[in-house]
Each structure stands twice: as structure tokens, then as C-alpha cells.
């Protein structure tokens, strides 16, 4: 992390982050990789407990990060510009928090010093999701969850 400016997550606007700082801001929760279904009539987004086939379910990171857009046509890039149009990111998302001018949660690895703290806090997809691999698209509705971010058990920002 020597290439990152000190406390960049705390004192710099998102548009001023380097690419490495932007990438480092990701908390590693994997929640952006949940399979989502959109109601064509209302535009409402429904979340499932299915994850993208490329998500490593233990590490909560993309197994094909460099090629994800080639591998998964519906993968969306999260950038400072697109962030403002993506409404389905979880309220705990570091990108969302910083865009709203809020501090990172205490479990974020940039604060805690441990990439495991997001999992220990119950914020990630680890342990309650399954891969979409092998599941027919017509069965995705069977995996919808009423409160997709209910797994975010530790919502305190201590």
C-alpha cells in the first residue's frame, strides 16, 4: 500500500483518487456481485442469494477480475461517474459511503487493518450465498431474498 496516499479514503474526493486508490477503496464484501432481477414494468430491482459465476465465494473477489467484462456481459464497472447512477449498491459500500460524504465503517480493512474484518462483521456474501453456476436462469426467482443486506448485521460505524 506504499503507492497509496495517507488516509486517501478520508480526505480526498472520489474524483481525485488514483486508479490504485479507487481499487483499494473496495471493502471486499462481494455484495455488488449478487445476481439481481429487474421488473421490466416497474424497474424495481430484486436481489437474490445467487452470486455471479466469477465470484470466489470465500475471498469475495472476482476470479477473473481483469477479464470480467469479456466473461460477463452484464458486469457493471463502478467508477466515480457510474456510481452516481447505480442505485443498487448496499448502504455499507465504501464507494457509496464516500460519495455521500460519510466515513468508512470500522470493519473496513483500511480502518481495521484486516481484510477479514468485513467477513467477521457479517457484511460480506461469504457463507450465505451460492454461485449462479449451473442454475437455470428461469429458476433465479427461487433464490430471491426480501432483505438482501440483512446479512449486514453490524451496522454501527464505530
Protein backbone atom coordinates (compact mmCIF):
# COMPACT_ATOMS: atom_id res chain seq x y z
CA UNK A 1 0.00 0.00 0.00
CA UNK A 2 3.05 2.24 -0.27
CA UNK A 3 1.70 3.64 -3.55
CA UNK A 4 -1.41 4.93 -1.78
CA UNK A 5 -1.61 8.36 -0.25
CA UNK A 6 -2.13 8.51 3.51
CA UNK A 7 -5.79 8.34 4.52
CA UNK A 8 -6.84 8.89 0.88
CA UNK A 9 -10.24 7.39 1.76
CA UNK A 10 -10.83 10.05 4.35
CA UNK A 11 -9.60 13.28 2.83
CA UNK A 12 -9.84 13.09 -0.95
CA UNK A 13 -12.88 13.40 -3.23
CA UNK A 14 -13.60 10.24 -5.22
CA UNK A 15 -12.81 12.00 -8.50
CA UNK A 16 -9.28 12.76 -7.22
CA UNK A 17 -8.34 9.15 -6.38
CA UNK A 18 -5.77 7.33 -8.47
CA UNK A 19 -6.86 4.02 -10.02
CA UNK A 20 -4.97 2.11 -7.30
CA UNK A 21 -6.66 4.16 -4.57
CA UNK A 22 -10.06 3.63 -6.18
CA UNK A 23 -9.49 -0.12 -6.30
CA UNK A 24 -8.21 -0.12 -2.69
CA UNK A 25 -11.41 1.57 -1.53
CA UNK A 26 -13.41 -1.59 -2.30
CA UNK A 27 -14.17 -3.31 1.01
CA UNK A 28 -14.28 -6.83 -0.50
CA UNK A 29 -17.84 -7.63 0.55
CA UNK A 30 -18.93 -9.09 -2.81
CA UNK A 31 -22.44 -7.63 -2.46
CA UNK A 32 -22.20 -5.85 -5.80
CA UNK A 33 -21.84 -9.33 -7.35
CA UNK A 34 -25.25 -10.52 -6.17
CA UNK A 35 -27.47 -11.58 -9.06
CA UNK A 36 -30.25 -9.03 -9.44
CA UNK A 37 -33.51 -9.29 -11.34
CA UNK A 38 -35.31 -6.23 -12.67
CA UNK A 39 -39.07 -5.97 -13.04
CA UNK A 40 -39.45 -4.85 -16.65
CA UNK A 41 -42.68 -2.97 -15.88
CA UNK A 42 -41.63 -1.06 -12.76
CA UNK A 43 -37.83 -1.07 -12.98
CA UNK A 44 -37.70 -2.39 -9.39
CA UNK A 45 -34.54 -4.36 -8.62
CA UNK A 46 -34.88 -7.65 -6.72
CA UNK A 47 -31.83 -9.21 -5.12
CA UNK A 48 -31.06 -12.90 -4.86
CA UNK A 49 -28.72 -15.00 -2.79
CA UNK A 50 -27.04 -16.03 -6.03
CA UNK A 51 -23.68 -14.55 -6.92
CA UNK A 52 -22.01 -14.02 -10.24
CA UNK A 53 -20.39 -17.19 -11.53
CA UNK A 54 -17.00 -15.44 -11.39
CA UNK A 55 -17.16 -14.56 -7.69
CA UNK A 56 -14.80 -16.52 -5.46
CA UNK A 57 -17.29 -17.21 -2.66
CA UNK A 58 -14.68 -17.46 0.08
CA UNK A 59 -12.50 -14.47 -0.82
CA UNK A 60 -15.47 -12.42 -2.13
CA UNK A 61 -13.39 -11.26 -5.09
CA UNK A 62 -13.81 -11.78 -8.80
CA UNK A 63 -11.86 -14.80 -10.01
CA UNK A 64 -11.47 -13.19 -13.46
CA UNK A 65 -11.20 -9.53 -12.47
CA UNK A 66 -9.08 -8.42 -15.42
CA UNK A 67 -11.39 -10.14 -17.93
CA UNK A 68 -14.72 -9.77 -16.13
CA UNK A 69 -16.35 -7.60 -18.80
CA UNK A 70 -15.48 -10.12 -21.51
CA UNK A 71 -16.65 -13.07 -19.39
CA UNK A 72 -19.86 -11.50 -18.02
CA UNK A 73 -21.74 -9.18 -20.36
CA UNK A 74 -23.86 -7.73 -17.54
CA UNK A 75 -20.94 -6.85 -15.25
CA UNK A 76 -21.04 -3.13 -14.48
CA UNK A 77 -17.96 -1.03 -13.91
CA UNK A 78 -18.15 1.00 -10.74
CA UNK A 79 -16.40 4.31 -11.32
CA UNK A 80 -16.82 7.73 -9.74
CA UNK A 81 -19.04 8.61 -12.71
CA UNK A 82 -21.17 5.43 -12.84
CA UNK A 83 -21.51 5.34 -9.05
CA UNK A 84 -23.96 8.22 -9.25
CA UNK A 85 -26.29 6.15 -11.46
CA UNK A 86 -26.00 2.80 -9.65
CA UNK A 87 -28.70 2.70 -7.01
CA UNK A 88 -28.38 -0.96 -6.03
CA UNK A 89 -25.09 -0.78 -4.16
CA UNK A 90 -25.50 -1.67 -0.49
CA UNK A 91 -25.64 1.12 2.10
CA UNK A 92 -22.41 -0.29 3.59
CA UNK A 93 -20.47 0.06 0.30
CA UNK A 94 -17.33 2.15 0.77
CA UNK A 95 -17.87 3.81 -2.61
CA UNK A 96 -21.42 4.75 -1.65
CA UNK A 97 -20.38 5.99 1.80
CA UNK A 98 -17.61 8.20 0.46
CA UNK A 99 -19.86 9.53 -2.33
CA UNK A 100 -22.29 10.59 0.41
CA UNK A 101 -19.51 12.20 2.44
CA UNK A 102 -19.71 9.55 5.18
CA UNK A 103 -16.77 7.82 6.88
CA UNK A 104 -15.91 4.18 6.33
CA UNK A 105 -17.18 1.60 8.80
CA UNK A 106 -14.78 0.34 11.45
CA UNK A 107 -14.73 -3.11 9.82
CA UNK A 108 -13.34 -1.74 6.52
CA UNK A 109 -9.82 -3.12 6.10
CA UNK A 110 -8.36 0.36 5.56
CA UNK A 111 -9.52 1.15 9.11
CA UNK A 112 -9.20 -2.27 10.79
CA UNK A 113 -6.01 -3.38 9.03
CA UNK A 114 -7.53 -6.78 8.23
CA UNK A 115 -9.27 -7.91 5.04
CA UNK A 116 -11.08 -10.50 7.17
CA UNK A 117 -12.92 -7.88 9.24
CA UNK A 118 -15.64 -7.38 6.59
CA UNK A 119 -16.44 -11.10 6.86
CA UNK A 120 -16.15 -11.19 10.64
CA UNK A 121 -18.64 -8.31 10.83
CA UNK A 122 -21.11 -10.31 8.71
CA UNK A 123 -21.13 -7.75 5.91
CA UNK A 124 -19.96 -9.92 3.02
CA UNK A 125 -21.52 -12.57 0.80
CA UNK A 126 -19.40 -15.24 2.47
CA UNK A 127 -21.43 -18.06 3.97
CA UNK A 128 -24.97 -17.21 2.84
CA UNK A 129 -24.82 -17.07 -0.95
CA UNK A 130 -24.35 -19.61 -3.72
CA UNK A 131 -22.96 -19.28 -7.22
CA UNK A 132 -25.28 -18.97 -10.16
CA UNK A 133 -23.17 -21.63 -11.92
CA UNK A 134 -25.38 -24.47 -13.08
CA UNK A 135 -28.64 -22.79 -12.03
CA UNK A 136 -31.03 -22.20 -14.93
CA UNK A 137 -31.98 -18.54 -15.38
CA UNK A 138 -35.66 -19.49 -15.17
CA UNK A 139 -35.02 -20.68 -11.58
CA UNK A 140 -33.36 -17.44 -10.38
CA UNK A 141 -36.65 -16.22 -8.88
CA UNK A 142 -36.49 -19.15 -6.44
CA UNK A 143 -33.43 -17.52 -4.85
CA UNK A 144 -34.77 -14.01 -4.25
CA UNK A 145 -34.23 -12.51 -0.80
CA UNK A 146 -36.53 -9.97 0.82
CA UNK A 147 -33.77 -8.06 2.58
CA UNK A 148 -30.53 -8.54 0.65
CA UNK A 149 -28.46 -6.53 3.08
CA UNK A 150 -29.89 -8.14 6.22
CA UNK A 151 -26.60 -10.02 6.45
CA UNK A 152 -25.06 -6.64 7.29
CA UNK A 153 -25.51 -7.45 10.96
CA UNK A 154 -23.01 -4.90 12.24
CA UNK A 155 -24.31 -1.56 11.04
CA UNK A 156 -22.56 0.53 13.65
CA UNK A 157 -19.88 2.88 12.43
CA UNK A 158 -17.67 2.73 15.50
